[in-house]
Amino acid sequence: MDTQLTVTDDSFETAFKKYEKAEMIEFFASWCQHCKHMSGLVNALAKTYANRAAVLAVDVETAPRTARRFGVQGVPAFVFVKNGQIVKRMAGEFSEAELRRQLEALLD
């Protein structure tokens, strides 16, 4: 069972406000091979951090307004938010260790 929350343009704001204390937002596309490669890792992180940080997944094709709002120009892309403020942006494939480092930094 996936624990990441996949959101649309219509549901993003509600989810964002609910979890804005510590969030990792993944921007992806269904046709993107790099995104598919990252999906299992992102879901595992969502399970690991379920009670401490939110993992939101945004499909850029079904949520283009949200992707534009965060300045996403390519996928996969990750935006890390702490207390409602963007603290880090990353684009491309990353290791589990790197994503964990970024999530842990949100929790400090």
Protein backbone atom coordinates (compact mmCIF):
# COMPACT_ATOMS: atom_id res chain seq x y z
CA MET A 1 0.00 0.00 0.00
CA ASP A 2 1.34 3.42 -0.95
CA THR A 3 1.61 5.91 1.88
CA GLN A 4 2.59 8.85 -0.26
CA LEU A 5 -0.33 11.11 -1.04
CA THR A 6 -0.86 11.72 -4.76
CA VAL A 7 -2.49 15.11 -5.23
CA THR A 8 -4.03 17.07 -8.09
CA ASP A 9 -4.30 20.80 -8.70
CA ASP A 10 -7.64 20.72 -6.87
CA SER A 11 -6.46 18.75 -3.83
CA PHE A 12 -2.92 20.11 -3.48
CA GLU A 13 -3.65 23.16 -1.33
CA THR A 14 -5.59 21.17 1.26
CA ALA A 15 -2.85 18.55 1.54
CA PHE A 16 -0.11 21.18 1.56
CA LYS A 17 -1.67 23.15 4.40
CA LYS A 18 -2.38 19.99 6.39
CA TYR A 19 1.22 18.81 6.29
CA GLU A 20 3.29 21.95 5.73
CA LYS A 21 5.44 21.49 8.85
CA ALA A 22 7.71 19.03 6.98
CA GLU A 23 7.06 17.87 3.43
CA MET A 24 8.81 16.34 0.49
CA ILE A 25 6.92 17.03 -2.72
CA GLU A 26 7.80 14.76 -5.62
CA PHE A 27 6.92 15.99 -9.11
CA PHE A 28 6.70 13.17 -11.66
CA ALA A 29 5.14 12.11 -14.95
CA SER A 30 3.74 8.70 -15.82
CA TRP A 31 5.83 8.51 -19.02
CA CYS A 32 9.12 9.38 -17.27
CA GLN A 33 11.46 6.39 -16.85
CA HIS A 34 13.53 8.17 -14.19
CA CYS A 35 10.33 8.87 -12.24
CA LYS A 36 9.32 5.22 -12.44
CA HIS A 37 12.75 4.26 -11.14
CA MET A 38 12.32 6.61 -8.15
CA SER A 39 8.74 5.63 -7.30
CA GLY A 40 9.57 2.61 -5.11
CA LEU A 41 12.16 4.58 -3.18
CA VAL A 42 9.82 7.53 -2.68
CA ASN A 43 7.06 5.22 -1.45
CA ALA A 44 9.46 3.54 0.99
CA LEU A 45 10.45 6.95 2.36
CA ALA A 46 6.78 7.89 2.70
CA LYS A 47 6.26 4.81 4.87
CA THR A 48 9.39 5.44 6.93
CA TYR A 49 8.51 9.09 7.62
CA ALA A 50 4.72 8.66 7.81
CA ASN A 51 4.39 10.07 11.33
CA ARG A 52 7.02 12.78 10.99
CA ALA A 53 6.87 14.22 7.47
CA ALA A 54 4.51 14.09 4.52
CA VAL A 55 5.41 12.89 1.06
CA LEU A 56 3.20 14.43 -1.60
CA ALA A 57 3.35 13.17 -5.17
CA VAL A 58 2.30 15.50 -7.98
CA ASP A 59 1.83 14.27 -11.55
CA VAL A 60 2.82 17.28 -13.67
CA GLU A 61 0.37 16.26 -16.39
CA THR A 62 -2.67 16.19 -14.11
CA ALA A 63 -1.51 19.08 -11.88
CA PRO A 64 0.15 21.61 -14.23
CA ARG A 65 -0.81 24.64 -12.11
CA THR A 66 0.91 23.16 -9.08
CA ALA A 67 4.02 22.31 -11.12
CA ARG A 68 4.18 25.91 -12.43
CA ARG A 69 3.65 27.29 -8.93
CA PHE A 70 6.77 25.47 -7.76
CA GLY A 71 8.76 26.29 -10.89
CA VAL A 72 9.15 22.67 -11.97
CA GLN A 73 10.78 22.47 -15.39
CA GLY A 74 11.72 18.78 -15.50
CA VAL A 75 10.94 15.53 -13.76
CA PRO A 76 11.60 13.93 -11.42
CA ALA A 77 11.87 16.96 -9.18
CA PHE A 78 11.75 17.22 -5.41
CA VAL A 79 10.80 20.22 -3.30
CA PHE A 80 11.41 20.18 0.45
CA VAL A 81 9.18 22.38 2.60
CA LYS A 82 9.57 23.27 6.26
CA ASN A 83 6.93 25.32 8.07
CA GLY A 84 5.38 26.33 4.76
CA GLN A 85 8.65 27.59 3.23
CA ILE A 86 10.65 25.97 0.46
CA VAL A 87 14.08 25.10 1.84
CA LYS A 88 15.50 22.97 -1.00
CA ARG A 89 14.81 22.04 -4.63
CA MET A 90 16.41 19.09 -6.41
CA ALA A 91 15.91 17.70 -9.91
CA GLY A 92 16.86 14.27 -11.21
CA GLU A 93 17.40 10.85 -9.68
CA PHE A 94 18.81 10.65 -6.17
CA SER A 95 19.91 7.97 -3.76
CA GLU A 96 17.85 6.97 -0.77
CA ALA A 97 20.60 8.37 1.46
CA GLU A 98 20.40 11.81 -0.17
CA LEU A 99 16.62 12.02 0.08
CA ARG A 100 16.79 10.84 3.70
CA ARG A 101 19.35 13.58 4.44
CA GLN A 102 16.99 16.18 3.08
CA LEU A 103 14.01 14.81 5.01
CA GLU A 104 16.01 14.66 8.23
CA ALA A 105 17.03 18.30 7.75
CA LEU A 106 13.34 19.23 7.71
CA LEU A 107 12.87 17.58 11.10
CA ASP A 108 15.69 19.41 12.92
